[in-house]
Amino acid sequence: MVKAKKTTTPIVGKSKLVERVYNSIGKKYSLNKNNVEMMVNGLLEEVKKALVCGEEIRLPSYFSMKTTISKPRVAMNLQTKKKMTIPAKRVPKVKFSNDLKEEIAKKK
């Protein structure tokens, strides 16, 4: 039996994102890395505040983010077989633009 190779998807975290923004525009506009990091942190904080307040964020050609209310549901504890009710809660939703989806699909 031949084992399939496990491929790992590269992860872009906040520090990697700061590095990329710095390399693409930071040098061009004479910004140091700390300024770029403060801008990225500020952007992420404002996105978080908007979602917590129930606002929708739209970046045309990229994505939109919003929160929705999930319905309450009945679940079962598989160990005790006891039914329990899971209450409704606000959950984040992200919808990517069709342009971005098409561009991603082209890249293989």
Protein backbone atom coordinates (compact mmCIF):
# COMPACT_ATOMS: atom_id res chain seq x y z
CA MET A 1 0.00 0.00 0.00
CA VAL A 2 1.40 3.39 -1.00
CA LYS A 3 0.92 6.22 1.47
CA ALA A 4 -0.14 9.55 0.04
CA LYS A 5 2.16 12.43 0.86
CA LYS A 6 0.68 14.87 3.30
CA THR A 7 0.85 18.39 1.94
CA THR A 8 0.82 21.26 4.36
CA THR A 9 -0.78 24.56 3.55
CA PRO A 10 1.45 27.53 4.36
CA ILE A 11 0.03 29.65 7.17
CA VAL A 12 0.18 33.43 7.04
CA GLY A 13 -0.07 34.77 10.58
CA LYS A 14 -0.03 38.37 11.76
CA SER A 15 3.78 38.65 11.82
CA LYS A 16 4.05 37.22 8.31
CA LEU A 17 1.32 39.59 7.13
CA VAL A 18 3.16 42.56 8.65
CA GLU A 19 6.33 41.42 6.87
CA ARG A 20 4.53 41.18 3.52
CA VAL A 21 2.87 44.60 3.88
CA TYR A 22 6.18 46.12 4.90
CA ASN A 23 7.94 44.60 1.88
CA SER A 24 5.21 45.64 -0.57
CA ILE A 25 4.40 49.19 0.56
CA GLY A 26 6.34 49.99 3.72
CA LYS A 27 9.61 50.58 1.95
CA LYS A 28 7.89 52.48 -0.86
CA TYR A 29 6.37 55.01 1.55
CA SER A 30 9.31 55.12 4.00
CA LEU A 31 7.41 53.36 6.79
CA ASN A 32 9.29 51.36 9.36
CA LYS A 33 8.17 47.90 10.42
CA ASN A 34 6.73 49.16 13.72
CA ASN A 35 4.45 51.62 11.86
CA VAL A 36 3.25 48.85 9.55
CA GLU A 37 2.61 46.56 12.53
CA MET A 38 0.62 49.30 14.29
CA MET A 39 -1.49 49.80 11.14
CA VAL A 40 -2.19 46.07 10.78
CA ASN A 41 -3.05 45.80 14.49
CA GLY A 42 -5.30 48.86 14.20
CA LEU A 43 -7.10 47.42 11.17
CA LEU A 44 -7.67 44.07 12.87
CA GLU A 45 -8.90 45.79 16.06
CA GLU A 46 -11.40 47.91 14.10
CA VAL A 47 -12.66 44.82 12.25
CA LYS A 48 -13.17 43.08 15.59
CA LYS A 49 -14.99 46.10 17.08
CA ALA A 50 -17.30 46.35 14.06
CA LEU A 51 -18.21 42.66 14.21
CA VAL A 52 -18.80 42.78 17.98
CA CYS A 53 -21.14 45.75 17.44
CA GLY A 54 -23.07 43.76 14.81
CA GLU A 55 -21.88 45.85 11.86
CA GLU A 56 -21.13 44.39 8.44
CA ILE A 57 -17.74 44.91 6.81
CA ARG A 58 -17.60 44.99 3.02
CA LEU A 59 -14.44 45.11 0.98
CA PRO A 60 -15.62 44.91 -2.65
CA SER A 61 -13.64 42.51 -4.83
CA TYR A 62 -12.44 40.69 -1.68
CA PHE A 63 -15.01 39.68 0.94
CA SER A 64 -17.74 40.72 3.33
CA MET A 65 -17.95 39.86 7.02
CA LYS A 66 -20.91 39.97 9.33
CA THR A 67 -22.39 38.24 12.34
CA THR A 68 -25.60 36.23 12.32
CA ILE A 69 -27.66 34.59 15.04
CA SER A 70 -27.54 30.79 15.05
CA LYS A 71 -30.74 29.01 15.97
CA PRO A 72 -31.02 27.20 19.28
CA ARG A 73 -30.77 23.45 18.82
CA VAL A 74 -31.06 20.19 20.68
CA ALA A 75 -27.94 18.02 20.93
CA MET A 76 -27.15 14.79 22.69
CA ASN A 77 -24.24 13.94 24.96
CA LEU A 78 -23.01 10.72 23.35
CA GLN A 79 -21.63 9.32 26.60
CA THR A 80 -24.70 9.83 28.78
CA LYS A 81 -27.34 9.90 25.99
CA LYS A 82 -28.77 12.94 27.73
CA LYS A 83 -30.36 15.60 25.54
CA MET A 84 -29.39 19.22 26.06
CA THR A 85 -30.37 22.49 24.50
CA ILE A 86 -27.67 24.63 22.93
CA PRO A 87 -28.79 28.26 23.04
CA ALA A 88 -28.76 30.69 20.12
CA LYS A 89 -25.58 32.72 19.73
CA ARG A 90 -23.96 35.24 17.41
CA VAL A 91 -21.49 33.70 14.99
CA PRO A 92 -19.19 35.36 12.43
CA LYS A 93 -19.75 34.74 8.70
CA VAL A 94 -17.41 35.52 5.82
CA LYS A 95 -18.46 35.56 2.18
CA PHE A 96 -15.79 35.89 -0.49
CA SER A 97 -16.44 37.85 -3.69
CA ASN A 98 -17.00 36.00 -6.94
CA ASP A 99 -14.01 37.80 -8.49
CA LEU A 100 -11.72 36.48 -5.75
CA LYS A 101 -13.20 32.98 -6.00
CA GLU A 102 -12.59 32.93 -9.75
CA GLU A 103 -9.02 34.19 -9.36
CA ILE A 104 -8.30 31.51 -6.75
CA ALA A 105 -9.84 28.81 -8.95
CA LYS A 106 -7.59 29.80 -11.87
CA LYS A 107 -4.43 29.37 -9.79
CA LYS A 108 -3.50 25.69 -9.55
